[in-house]
Amino acid sequence: MKLQGKRVALPPTPVVHRRFEEHVRATPDAVAVVWSGRQVTYAELDARANRFAHLLTARGHGRGAKIGVCLDYSIDMIVAILGTLKAGAAYVPFDPTYPAARLRLLLGQVPDLALIVASPATAAIVESADAEVIDLEQLTGHLATLPATVPDVHVTGDDLCYAVFTSGSTGIPKLTAIRHEGWFNLMNWLQLDYGLHRGSHHLVVSAFGFDLSQRALMTPLFCGATQHLMASRNFDAMLAYRMLTQYDIRVVHCASSTLYLLVDWEDARGGDALARLDYVLFGGEALKSERLARFARRPDTTCTLLHQYGVAECTDVATSYDLAHHRPGEHGIAPVGRPAHNTAVHLLDSELREVEAGRYGEICISGAGVGAGYLGAGGPENAKFTTIDIEGTPVRLYRTGDRGRIDDSGDLVVAGRMDAQVKVRGMRIDPTDVERALGRLAGVREAAVVVTYDDGGEAELNAFVVPSGKDLAEDDLRTRLLSALPRNMVPSRFTNILRLPLSPHGKVDRAVLADICRGRSTDSDSAA
């Protein structure tokens, strides 16, 4: 079974920052970025980005180079990203909200990292990198001497524009690379299908390391609109909502869980800033329709809620669905819609043959958005990028590992993962990563992590630890784990256990552990 998105011609050179430069020429005095009470126009942002691009090329970090960016949301971050693209290089986000141990691990996964852009607030957390670390603030004087003109660098749609981390099947984070053509195609589709324009001002509410944050950052600049950034390293619902009320923001991209928080914030205060947006584009995890039902039914809600599906390896978004068409009592799982422009979704069996209509299969994605693969990886990881024959034509696609079907309306429905990876609060992780981190903690002899789902279908991580001595306190384990892992990778519960149960094959019997979790949940419900 196959869903084919509309085929739309792209320009001969589908390069993202060229579209930004068109707006610089057309509306140089329009506001490009607002942050912490400051703002820059398109012309000012372009000049600063050009100077940074000249700095990179002068140091030999031009086309094909990889530039790390470890900055808090700020105007400097946008300068670094645009300047990197203008130099022909690709940027790699290093999220400063991650623990230092996690960042050290990620730094070791980037082959041939040229340098890292940091600030006084973030330089210390990437000091372990082999690459040079530079501070834009300290280079202000030197940058002012460089040309403000667009550098003469030939960039094509096949060149890499960014690379983000995602969990691999081996438990080690993988760096997946995206091409300009795919990123351009994504934002061109959003602009054409949803009518985004120079008034479609955005607010970024997701963490920098998240794949959806990359299009959230660039889409307004692609459309000639204004990008609003929060002056906060971590998501702050109060600040985000205050900015929605204070500025003429029209579009927000976020994970489903973030949308729930914003909806709750608005409901508690009787406001309407969220309801009056043009669009919220959300997804990344199983949808809890009931969390949005009241908001969607409010008479003053004119905002279109776009439930989207995609993976980091394929430029983040592959399909989109207007949630207004969903009836929870009738439809069950909310669909994620139909493909973006120049994108196809295939449902295949284990032999990579298309399944019949209505049947479940592995969701595979082909088309312009399919990325360049995992940098520095091989074997089973890059084998997820494969080529199959469809009606006599070779088609390159990515095997997502997600299970899905096409419903009677012709929309894609996602029904979970086909492997051990899960999505927790919008980010795809491998529980093996968590087990390894637990195993490195003092006092832990062995650990296993199993996934259970609450009544709303939300994934939860449950850790079982075999202590090397006395039982370990849950709060202590959580605190120590937070120093090594992002918050979404820290289990909801920790249980001391004398030994891990084994299956007849001598492997950890995760089904038994999951039964313990379910039994504990049943006991809790009975007590309530």
Protein backbone atom coordinates (compact mmCIF):
# COMPACT_ATOMS: atom_id res chain seq x y z
CA MET A 1 0.00 0.00 0.00
CA LYS A 2 1.29 3.44 -0.91
CA LEU A 3 0.29 7.05 -0.28
CA GLN A 4 1.75 9.57 -2.70
CA GLY A 5 2.00 13.27 -1.91
CA LYS A 6 1.45 15.92 -4.56
CA ARG A 7 4.34 16.26 -6.96
CA VAL A 8 5.51 19.88 -7.01
CA ALA A 9 8.43 21.26 -9.01
CA LEU A 10 11.23 22.77 -6.94
CA PRO A 11 13.64 25.48 -8.15
CA PRO A 12 16.85 24.31 -9.88
CA THR A 13 18.80 25.09 -6.70
CA PRO A 14 16.54 24.29 -3.73
CA VAL A 15 18.75 25.86 -1.06
CA VAL A 16 17.12 27.09 2.14
CA HIS A 17 19.14 30.23 2.86
CA ARG A 18 18.63 31.51 -0.69
CA ARG A 19 14.93 31.92 0.07
CA PHE A 20 15.88 33.92 3.18
CA GLU A 21 18.12 36.12 1.01
CA GLU A 22 15.19 36.80 -1.33
CA HIS A 23 13.31 38.29 1.63
CA VAL A 24 16.40 40.32 2.57
CA ARG A 25 16.26 41.97 -0.85
CA ALA A 26 12.47 42.38 -0.86
CA THR A 27 11.88 43.54 2.74
CA PRO A 28 15.25 44.45 4.29
CA ASP A 29 13.70 46.44 7.14
CA ALA A 30 11.23 43.75 8.22
CA VAL A 31 11.89 42.27 11.67
CA ALA A 32 13.55 38.87 11.37
CA VAL A 33 14.17 37.81 15.01
CA VAL A 34 12.91 38.99 18.39
CA TRP A 35 14.68 37.82 21.56
CA SER A 36 14.92 39.17 25.10
CA GLY A 37 13.68 42.64 24.22
CA ARG A 38 16.01 42.93 21.21
CA GLN A 39 15.29 42.58 17.53
CA VAL A 40 17.16 42.47 14.24
CA THR A 41 15.90 43.19 10.75
CA TYR A 42 16.37 40.93 7.76
CA ALA A 43 19.17 43.17 6.48
CA GLU A 44 20.96 43.23 9.84
CA LEU A 45 20.67 39.48 10.30
CA ASP A 46 21.90 38.85 6.77
CA ALA A 47 24.96 41.07 7.25
CA ARG A 48 25.91 39.35 10.52
CA ALA A 49 25.41 35.89 9.02
CA ASN A 50 27.48 36.83 5.96
CA ARG A 51 30.36 37.99 8.16
CA PHE A 52 30.28 34.72 10.08
CA ALA A 53 30.21 32.77 6.81
CA HIS A 54 33.31 34.67 5.64
CA LEU A 55 34.99 33.79 8.94
CA LEU A 56 34.28 30.10 8.37
CA THR A 57 35.43 30.02 4.76
CA ALA A 58 38.61 31.95 5.63
CA ARG A 59 39.43 29.18 8.10
CA GLY A 60 38.80 26.52 5.50
CA HIS A 61 35.41 25.45 6.91
CA GLY A 62 33.32 25.86 3.80
CA ARG A 63 31.29 23.49 1.69
CA GLY A 64 30.99 20.05 3.28
CA ALA A 65 32.27 21.07 6.74
CA LYS A 66 30.35 20.29 9.93
CA ILE A 67 29.96 23.11 12.45
CA GLY A 68 28.75 22.42 15.98
CA VAL A 69 26.38 24.97 17.54
CA CYS A 70 26.08 24.93 21.34
CA LEU A 71 24.14 28.08 22.15
CA ASP A 72 21.03 29.04 24.06
CA TYR A 73 18.20 30.42 21.97
CA SER A 74 19.37 33.88 20.92
CA ILE A 75 20.02 36.08 17.91
CA ASP A 76 23.58 34.72 17.88
CA MET A 77 22.19 31.21 17.40
CA ILE A 78 20.34 32.26 14.24
CA VAL A 79 23.46 34.10 13.02
CA ALA A 80 25.54 30.95 13.52
CA ILE A 81 23.02 28.73 11.73
CA LEU A 82 22.53 31.02 8.75
CA GLY A 83 26.24 31.79 8.52
CA THR A 84 27.05 28.08 8.51
CA LEU A 85 24.58 27.46 5.69
CA LYS A 86 25.92 30.40 3.67
CA ALA A 87 29.44 28.99 3.98
CA GLY A 88 28.19 25.76 2.42
CA ALA A 89 28.62 23.85 5.69
CA ALA A 90 26.14 21.88 7.79
CA TYR A 91 25.38 22.67 11.41
CA VAL A 92 25.07 20.15 14.25
CA PRO A 93 22.97 21.20 17.29
CA PHE A 94 24.52 20.48 20.69
CA ASP A 95 21.72 21.20 23.11
CA PRO A 96 23.06 23.06 26.18
CA THR A 97 20.18 21.65 28.27
CA TYR A 98 21.76 18.19 28.05
CA PRO A 99 23.95 16.97 30.92
CA ALA A 100 27.69 17.31 30.38
CA ALA A 101 28.15 13.52 30.23
CA ARG A 102 25.57 13.26 27.46
CA LEU A 103 27.21 16.05 25.48
CA ARG A 104 30.60 14.38 25.79
CA LEU A 105 29.10 11.24 24.30
CA LEU A 106 27.52 13.17 21.43
CA LEU A 107 30.72 15.07 20.69
CA GLY A 108 32.45 11.76 20.11
CA GLN A 109 29.89 10.74 17.49
CA VAL A 110 30.56 13.53 14.97
CA PRO A 111 33.17 12.62 12.35
CA ASP A 112 35.42 15.50 11.29
CA LEU A 113 33.76 18.20 13.37
CA ALA A 114 35.40 21.45 12.21
CA LEU A 115 34.61 23.71 15.16
CA ILE A 116 31.93 24.52 17.74
CA VAL A 117 30.21 27.87 18.19
CA ALA A 118 29.57 28.53 21.88
CA SER A 119 29.07 31.42 24.32
CA PRO A 120 30.45 32.22 27.77
CA ALA A 121 27.43 30.38 29.19
CA THR A 122 27.97 27.21 27.15
CA ALA A 123 31.69 26.98 26.32
CA ALA A 124 32.57 24.95 29.41
CA ILE A 125 30.16 22.14 28.58
CA VAL A 126 31.82 21.44 25.19
CA GLU A 127 35.42 22.01 26.26
CA SER A 128 36.11 18.28 26.01
CA ALA A 129 35.70 18.40 22.22
CA ASP A 130 38.71 17.89 19.99
CA ALA A 131 37.42 20.66 17.73
CA GLU A 132 38.14 24.34 18.27
CA VAL A 133 35.50 26.20 20.32
CA ILE A 134 34.81 29.81 19.35
CA ASP A 135 32.76 32.51 21.07
CA LEU A 136 30.90 34.96 18.81
CA GLU A 137 30.92 37.63 21.53
CA GLN A 138 34.71 37.53 21.77
CA LEU A 139 34.97 37.70 17.97
CA THR A 140 32.72 40.76 17.61
CA GLY A 141 35.62 43.07 16.73
CA HIS A 142 37.12 40.72 14.16
CA LEU A 143 33.76 39.93 12.58
CA ALA A 144 33.12 43.66 12.10
CA THR A 145 36.13 43.81 9.75
CA LEU A 146 34.79 41.07 7.46
CA PRO A 147 32.58 41.68 4.40
CA ALA A 148 28.83 41.99 4.99
CA THR A 149 28.16 40.72 1.46
CA VAL A 150 26.92 37.26 0.54
CA PRO A 151 29.93 34.90 0.22
CA ASP A 152 30.60 33.42 -3.21
CA VAL A 153 29.93 29.80 -2.29
CA HIS A 154 28.11 27.43 -4.62
CA VAL A 155 25.64 25.35 -2.60
CA THR A 156 23.33 22.74 -4.15
CA GLY A 157 20.24 20.86 -3.05
CA ASP A 158 22.38 17.76 -2.54
CA ASP A 159 24.61 19.45 0.04
CA LEU A 160 24.05 18.78 3.73
CA CYS A 161 22.38 21.55 5.73
CA TYR A 162 22.16 20.05 9.23
CA ALA A 163 22.59 16.81 11.17
CA VAL A 164 20.78 15.84 14.38
CA PHE A 165 21.17 13.02 16.88
CA THR A 166 18.72 10.16 17.17
CA SER A 167 18.99 6.85 19.02
CA GLY A 168 20.37 3.95 17.01
CA SER A 169 19.46 0.29 17.35
CA THR A 170 22.83 -0.33 19.01
CA GLY A 171 21.94 2.04 21.85
CA ILE A 172 24.56 4.59 20.75
CA PRO A 173 23.24 7.95 19.46
CA LYS A 174 23.48 8.29 15.69
CA LEU A 175 23.96 11.46 13.69
CA THR A 176 21.49 11.64 10.82
CA ALA A 177 22.16 14.14 8.04
CA ILE A 178 19.64 16.17 6.03
CA ARG A 179 20.08 17.70 2.58
CA HIS A 180 19.05 21.19 1.50
CA GLU A 181 16.57 19.82 -1.05
CA GLY A 182 14.66 17.91 1.61
CA TRP A 183 14.57 20.84 4.04
CA PHE A 184 13.57 23.26 1.26
CA ASN A 185 10.83 20.88 0.12
CA LEU A 186 9.42 20.64 3.66
CA MET A 187 9.17 24.39 4.18
CA ASN A 188 7.98 25.01 0.62
CA TRP A 189 5.14 22.53 1.26
CA LEU A 190 4.21 24.21 4.55
CA GLN A 191 4.15 27.60 2.83
CA LEU A 192 2.10 26.46 -0.16
CA ASP A 193 -0.37 24.12 1.52
CA TYR A 194 -1.03 26.20 4.62
CA GLY A 195 -0.62 29.66 3.19
CA LEU A 196 2.24 30.76 5.45
CA HIS A 197 3.33 34.31 4.61
CA ARG A 198 5.21 37.36 5.92
CA GLY A 199 2.71 37.71 8.74
CA SER A 200 3.06 34.08 9.89
CA HIS A 201 5.22 34.94 12.88
CA HIS A 202 6.54 31.97 14.89
CA LEU A 203 7.46 31.15 18.48
CA VAL A 204 9.95 28.35 19.19
CA VAL A 205 9.00 26.30 22.26
CA SER A 206 11.01 23.07 21.77
CA ALA A 207 14.56 22.16 22.79
CA PHE A 208 17.33 22.96 20.30
CA GLY A 209 18.43 19.33 19.97
CA PHE A 210 14.95 18.17 18.90
CA ASP A 211 14.56 17.48 15.16
CA LEU A 212 11.36 19.52 14.87
CA SER A 213 13.18 22.56 16.27
CA GLN A 214 15.22 22.84 13.07
CA ARG A 215 12.20 23.57 10.87
CA ALA A 216 10.59 25.61 13.67
CA LEU A 217 13.68 27.84 13.64
CA MET A 218 13.91 28.31 9.89
CA THR A 219 10.32 28.28 8.59
CA PRO A 220 9.48 31.91 9.47
CA LEU A 221 12.70 33.13 7.81
CA PHE A 222 11.82 31.00 4.77
CA CYS A 223 8.45 32.80 4.61
CA GLY A 224 9.64 36.34 5.37
CA ALA A 225 8.03 36.37 8.83
CA THR A 226 9.41 37.05 12.33
CA GLN A 227 10.99 34.42 14.58
CA HIS A 228 10.35 34.89 18.31
CA LEU A 229 12.72 33.15 20.73
CA MET A 230 12.25 32.66 24.46
CA ALA A 231 15.01 33.94 26.73
CA SER A 232 15.00 30.68 28.66
CA ARG A 233 17.19 27.60 28.33
CA ASN A 234 14.39 25.23 29.33
CA PHE A 235 10.76 25.29 28.25
CA ASP A 236 8.77 27.71 30.39
CA ALA A 237 5.00 27.45 29.86
CA MET A 238 4.34 30.75 31.65
CA LEU A 239 6.87 32.64 29.53
CA ALA A 240 5.69 30.97 26.32
CA TYR A 241 2.08 31.87 27.00
CA ARG A 242 2.99 35.43 27.95
CA MET A 243 4.77 35.81 24.60
CA LEU A 244 1.74 34.44 22.77
CA THR A 245 -0.38 37.17 24.36
CA GLN A 246 2.23 39.92 23.95
CA TYR A 247 3.23 39.42 20.31
CA ASP A 248 1.36 38.78 17.08
CA ILE A 249 2.51 35.16 16.91
CA ARG A 250 0.55 33.02 14.45
CA VAL A 251 2.32 29.63 14.31
CA VAL A 252 3.82 27.21 16.85
CA HIS A 253 5.59 23.88 16.18
CA CYS A 254 5.79 21.53 19.18
CA ALA A 255 5.57 18.03 20.58
CA SER A 256 2.13 16.85 21.66
CA SER A 257 3.00 16.99 25.36
CA THR A 258 4.05 20.64 25.04
CA LEU A 259 0.73 21.44 23.40
CA TYR A 260 -1.12 19.82 26.33
CA LEU A 261 0.76 22.08 28.75
CA LEU A 262 -0.08 25.19 26.74
CA VAL A 263 -3.73 24.18 26.50
CA ASP A 264 -3.87 23.57 30.27
CA TRP A 265 -2.24 26.95 30.89
CA GLU A 266 -4.81 28.70 28.72
CA ASP A 267 -7.75 26.81 30.26
CA ALA A 268 -6.63 27.67 33.78
CA ARG A 269 -6.44 31.38 32.98
CA GLY A 270 -9.41 31.72 30.67
CA GLY A 271 -7.28 33.14 27.89
CA ASP A 272 -7.56 32.81 24.12
CA ALA A 273 -4.06 33.49 22.76
CA LEU A 274 -3.53 29.85 21.83
CA ALA A 275 -7.03 29.44 20.42
CA ARG A 276 -6.51 32.44 18.12
CA LEU A 277 -3.31 31.14 16.48
CA ASP A 278 -3.44 30.24 12.82
CA TYR A 279 -1.70 26.89 13.27
CA VAL A 280 -0.16 24.57 15.82
CA LEU A 281 1.90 21.87 14.08
CA PHE A 282 2.46 19.06 16.55
CA GLY A 283 3.28 15.37 16.89
CA GLY A 284 6.27 13.24 17.77
CA GLU A 285 4.39 10.90 20.12
CA ALA A 286 1.09 9.05 20.52
CA LEU A 287 -1.75 11.57 20.62
CA LYS A 288 -4.02 11.80 23.67
CA SER A 289 -7.09 13.10 21.87
CA GLU A 290 -8.98 13.68 25.10
CA ARG A 291 -6.38 16.23 26.19
CA LEU A 292 -7.33 18.45 23.26
CA ALA A 293 -11.04 17.69 22.85
CA ARG A 294 -12.34 20.52 25.07
CA PHE A 295 -9.91 23.04 23.58
CA ALA A 296 -10.85 22.05 20.02
CA ARG A 297 -14.60 22.35 20.78
CA ARG A 298 -14.37 25.84 22.30
CA PRO A 299 -16.39 28.38 20.25
CA ASP A 300 -13.46 30.80 20.17
CA THR A 301 -10.92 28.24 18.89
CA THR A 302 -10.06 29.22 15.35
CA CYS A 303 -6.60 27.61 15.44
CA THR A 304 -5.99 24.71 13.07
CA LEU A 305 -4.36 21.78 14.86
CA LEU A 306 -2.13 19.84 12.46
CA HIS A 307 -1.31 16.35 13.75
CA GLN A 308 1.91 15.39 11.96
CA TYR A 309 4.14 12.37 11.57
CA GLY A 310 7.75 11.96 10.53
CA VAL A 311 11.23 10.94 11.58
CA ALA A 312 14.50 12.82 11.97
CA GLU A 313 16.06 10.75 9.20
CA CYS A 314 13.53 12.13 6.69
CA THR A 315 13.50 15.87 7.41
CA ASP A 316 11.14 15.53 10.36
CA VAL A 317 7.67 15.66 8.73
CA ALA A 318 6.26 13.19 6.22
CA THR A 319 2.48 13.51 6.72
CA SER A 320 -0.05 15.94 8.16
CA TYR A 321 -3.69 15.75 9.33
CA ASP A 322 -6.18 18.45 10.32
CA LEU A 323 -7.42 17.25 13.70
CA ALA A 324 -10.78 18.95 13.12
CA HIS A 325 -11.73 15.88 11.07
CA HIS A 326 -11.08 13.48 13.95
CA ARG A 327 -13.94 12.08 16.03
CA PRO A 328 -12.37 10.21 18.98
CA GLY A 329 -15.46 8.09 19.67
CA GLU A 330 -15.68 6.96 16.05
CA HIS A 331 -12.12 6.79 14.76
CA GLY A 332 -9.99 5.34 17.58
CA ILE A 333 -6.36 6.31 16.99
CA ALA A 334 -6.11 9.76 15.41
CA PRO A 335 -4.67 9.59 11.89
CA VAL A 336 -1.53 11.48 10.91
CA GLY A 337 -2.85 12.23 7.46
CA ARG A 338 -1.35 12.26 4.01
CA PRO A 339 2.14 12.90 2.66
CA ALA A 340 3.88 16.20 2.11
CA HIS A 341 4.78 17.34 -1.37
CA ASN A 342 7.19 15.08 -3.28
CA THR A 343 6.91 12.47 -0.52
CA ALA A 344 5.49 8.95 -0.49
CA VAL A 345 4.62 6.60 2.36
CA HIS A 346 4.85 2.86 1.74
CA LEU A 347 3.52 0.10 3.98
CA LEU A 348 5.72 -2.94 3.54
CA ASP A 349 5.97 -6.44 4.96
CA SER A 350 9.15 -8.07 6.27
CA GLU A 351 10.16 -8.92 2.69
CA LEU A 352 9.75 -5.26 1.65
CA ARG A 353 6.64 -6.01 -0.38
CA GLU A 354 3.64 -3.69 -0.25
CA VAL A 355 0.86 -4.94 2.03
CA GLU A 356 -2.78 -5.03 0.99
CA ALA A 357 -5.14 -2.13 1.67
CA GLY A 358 -6.17 -1.92 5.33
CA ARG A 359 -3.37 -4.24 6.50
CA TYR A 360 -0.61 -3.23 8.90
CA GLY A 361 2.93 -2.92 7.66
CA GLU A 362 6.19 -1.14 8.35
CA ILE A 363 6.00 2.54 7.47
CA CYS A 364 8.67 3.44 4.92
CA ILE A 365 9.25 6.90 3.47
CA SER A 366 10.54 7.85 0.03
CA GLY A 367 10.93 11.11 -1.85
CA ALA A 368 12.67 14.43 -1.46
CA GLY A 369 12.77 14.36 2.34
CA VAL A 370 14.80 11.16 2.73
CA GLY A 371 18.08 12.15 4.34
CA ALA A 372 21.68 11.39 3.47
CA GLY A 373 22.01 8.64 6.08
CA TYR A 374 23.87 8.29 9.35
CA LEU A 375 27.25 10.01 9.41
CA GLY A 376 30.08 7.76 10.46
CA ALA A 377 27.82 4.71 10.77
CA GLY A 378 27.48 1.52 8.81
CA GLY A 379 26.01 -1.95 8.96
CA PRO A 380 22.47 -2.32 10.30
CA GLU A 381 22.01 1.40 10.94
CA ASN A 382 22.57 2.65 7.39
CA ALA A 383 20.78 -0.44 6.09
CA LYS A 384 17.57 1.32 7.13
CA PHE A 385 18.21 3.50 4.08
CA THR A 386 17.63 1.08 1.22
CA THR A 387 16.51 0.89 -2.39
CA ILE A 388 13.67 -1.35 -3.55
CA ASP A 389 12.09 -1.99 -6.92
CA ILE A 390 8.55 -0.65 -7.31
CA GLU A 391 6.90 -1.39 -10.65
CA GLY A 392 10.27 -1.61 -12.34
CA THR A 393 11.61 1.62 -10.84
CA PRO A 394 14.32 1.72 -8.14
CA VAL A 395 13.10 3.76 -5.16
CA ARG A 396 15.32 4.88 -2.27
CA LEU A 397 13.48 4.82 1.02
CA TYR A 398 13.92 4.85 4.77
CA ARG A 399 12.51 2.08 6.97
CA THR A 400 11.13 3.87 10.03
CA GLY A 401 10.48 0.81 12.19
CA ASP A 402 6.99 2.21 12.87
CA ARG A 403 3.88 0.10 12.34
CA GLY A 404 0.91 1.55 10.51
CA ARG A 405 -1.99 1.18 8.11
CA ILE A 406 -4.08 3.26 5.73
CA ASP A 407 -7.62 3.86 7.00
CA ASP A 408 -10.81 3.95 4.92
CA SER A 409 -10.40 7.69 4.34
CA GLY A 410 -6.94 7.22 2.85
CA ASP A 411 -5.07 8.62 5.86
CA LEU A 412 -2.06 7.07 7.57
CA VAL A 413 -2.58 5.68 11.07
CA VAL A 414 0.51 4.95 13.19
CA ALA A 415 0.20 2.05 15.64
CA GLY A 416 3.49 2.09 17.54
CA ARG A 417 7.00 0.76 17.03
CA MET A 418 8.09 -2.51 15.48
CA ASP A 419 11.33 -2.62 17.50
CA ALA A 420 12.55 -1.68 20.96
CA GLN A 421 12.70 2.06 20.37
CA VAL A 422 9.93 4.16 21.86
CA LYS A 423 8.85 7.78 21.85
CA VAL A 424 8.80 9.39 25.27
CA ARG A 425 7.43 12.94 25.41
CA GLY A 426 8.07 13.37 21.72
CA MET A 427 11.65 12.11 21.48
CA ARG A 428 12.62 8.70 20.16
CA ILE A 429 14.92 6.79 22.47
CA ASP A 430 16.27 3.29 22.99
CA PRO A 431 15.81 1.88 26.52
CA THR A 432 19.25 0.31 26.14
CA ASP A 433 20.75 3.80 26.50
CA VAL A 434 19.06 4.10 29.90
CA GLU A 435 20.15 0.64 31.01
CA ARG A 436 23.76 1.42 30.22
CA ALA A 437 23.62 4.70 32.13
CA LEU A 438 22.08 2.94 35.13
CA GLY A 439 24.72 0.25 35.00
CA ARG A 440 27.44 2.89 35.34
CA LEU A 441 26.03 4.23 38.61
CA ALA A 442 27.76 3.26 41.84
CA GLY A 443 25.79 0.65 43.75
CA VAL A 444 24.05 -0.79 40.68
CA ARG A 445 25.11 -4.28 39.71
CA GLU A 446 22.63 -4.80 36.91
CA ALA A 447 19.64 -3.01 35.46
CA ALA A 448 16.83 -3.50 32.98
CA VAL A 449 14.36 -0.97 31.62
CA VAL A 450 10.95 -1.94 30.29
CA VAL A 451 8.31 0.13 28.59
CA THR A 452 4.68 0.23 29.67
CA TYR A 453 1.81 2.43 28.51
CA ASP A 454 -0.62 4.39 30.61
CA ASP A 455 -4.36 4.56 29.90
CA GLY A 456 -3.79 7.32 27.36
CA GLY A 457 -1.26 5.29 25.39
CA GLU A 458 1.72 7.33 26.63
CA ALA A 459 4.99 5.40 26.93
CA GLU A 460 6.57 5.19 30.39
CA LEU A 461 10.01 3.85 31.32
CA ASN A 462 10.27 1.54 34.32
CA ALA A 463 13.70 0.68 35.71
CA PHE A 464 14.55 -2.48 37.64
CA VAL A 465 17.89 -2.37 39.43
CA VAL A 466 19.84 -5.13 41.12
CA PRO A 467 21.81 -3.36 43.87
CA SER A 468 25.35 -4.46 44.64
CA GLY A 469 24.67 -3.83 48.32
CA LYS A 470 21.71 -2.37 50.15
CA ASP A 471 18.61 -1.15 48.32
CA LEU A 472 18.97 2.09 46.40
CA ALA A 473 16.66 5.04 47.00
CA GLU A 474 14.51 6.05 44.03
CA ASP A 475 15.15 9.78 44.46
CA ASP A 476 18.90 9.22 44.60
CA LEU A 477 18.88 7.12 41.44
CA ARG A 478 16.80 9.71 39.62
CA THR A 479 19.06 12.57 40.70
CA ARG A 480 22.24 10.78 39.64
CA LEU A 481 20.74 9.69 36.34
CA LEU A 482 19.73 13.28 35.54
CA SER A 483 23.42 14.20 35.55
CA ALA A 484 24.00 11.82 32.64
CA LEU A 485 20.78 11.72 30.63
CA PRO A 486 18.16 14.14 29.29
CA ARG A 487 15.03 14.29 31.45
CA ASN A 488 12.86 12.39 28.96
CA MET A 489 15.21 9.39 29.26
CA VAL A 490 14.92 9.12 33.06
CA PRO A 491 12.44 6.38 34.10
CA SER A 492 9.20 7.21 35.86
CA ARG A 493 9.73 4.42 38.40
CA PHE A 494 12.69 2.58 39.92
CA THR A 495 12.34 -0.83 41.57
CA ASN A 496 14.97 -2.73 43.53
CA ILE A 497 14.98 -6.40 42.63
CA LEU A 498 17.07 -9.31 43.93
CA ARG A 499 17.80 -10.63 40.44
CA LEU A 500 16.54 -10.09 36.91
CA PRO A 501 14.26 -12.88 35.64
CA LEU A 502 15.58 -14.82 32.69
CA SER A 503 13.74 -16.44 29.79
CA PRO A 504 14.39 -20.05 28.72
CA HIS A 505 16.89 -18.63 26.23
CA GLY A 506 18.93 -17.08 29.05
CA LYS A 507 17.93 -13.51 28.22
CA VAL A 508 16.30 -11.02 30.54
CA ASP A 509 12.59 -11.82 30.53
CA ARG A 510 11.14 -8.37 29.97
CA ALA A 511 7.63 -9.75 29.75
CA VAL A 512 7.87 -10.79 33.42
CA LEU A 513 9.10 -7.33 34.38
CA ALA A 514 6.28 -5.72 32.40
CA ASP A 515 3.80 -7.96 34.23
CA ILE A 516 5.20 -6.69 37.55
CA CYS A 517 4.58 -3.12 36.37
CA ARG A 518 1.06 -3.92 35.27
CA GLY A 519 0.33 -5.75 38.51
CA ARG A 520 1.57 -2.77 40.50
CA SER A 521 -0.66 -0.49 38.45
CA THR A 522 -3.66 -2.76 39.03
CA ASP A 523 -2.98 -2.83 42.76
CA SER A 524 -2.76 0.96 42.77
CA ASP A 525 -6.08 1.25 40.93
CA SER A 526 -7.72 -1.16 43.37
CA ALA A 527 -6.42 0.80 46.33
CA ALA A 528 -7.79 3.99 44.83
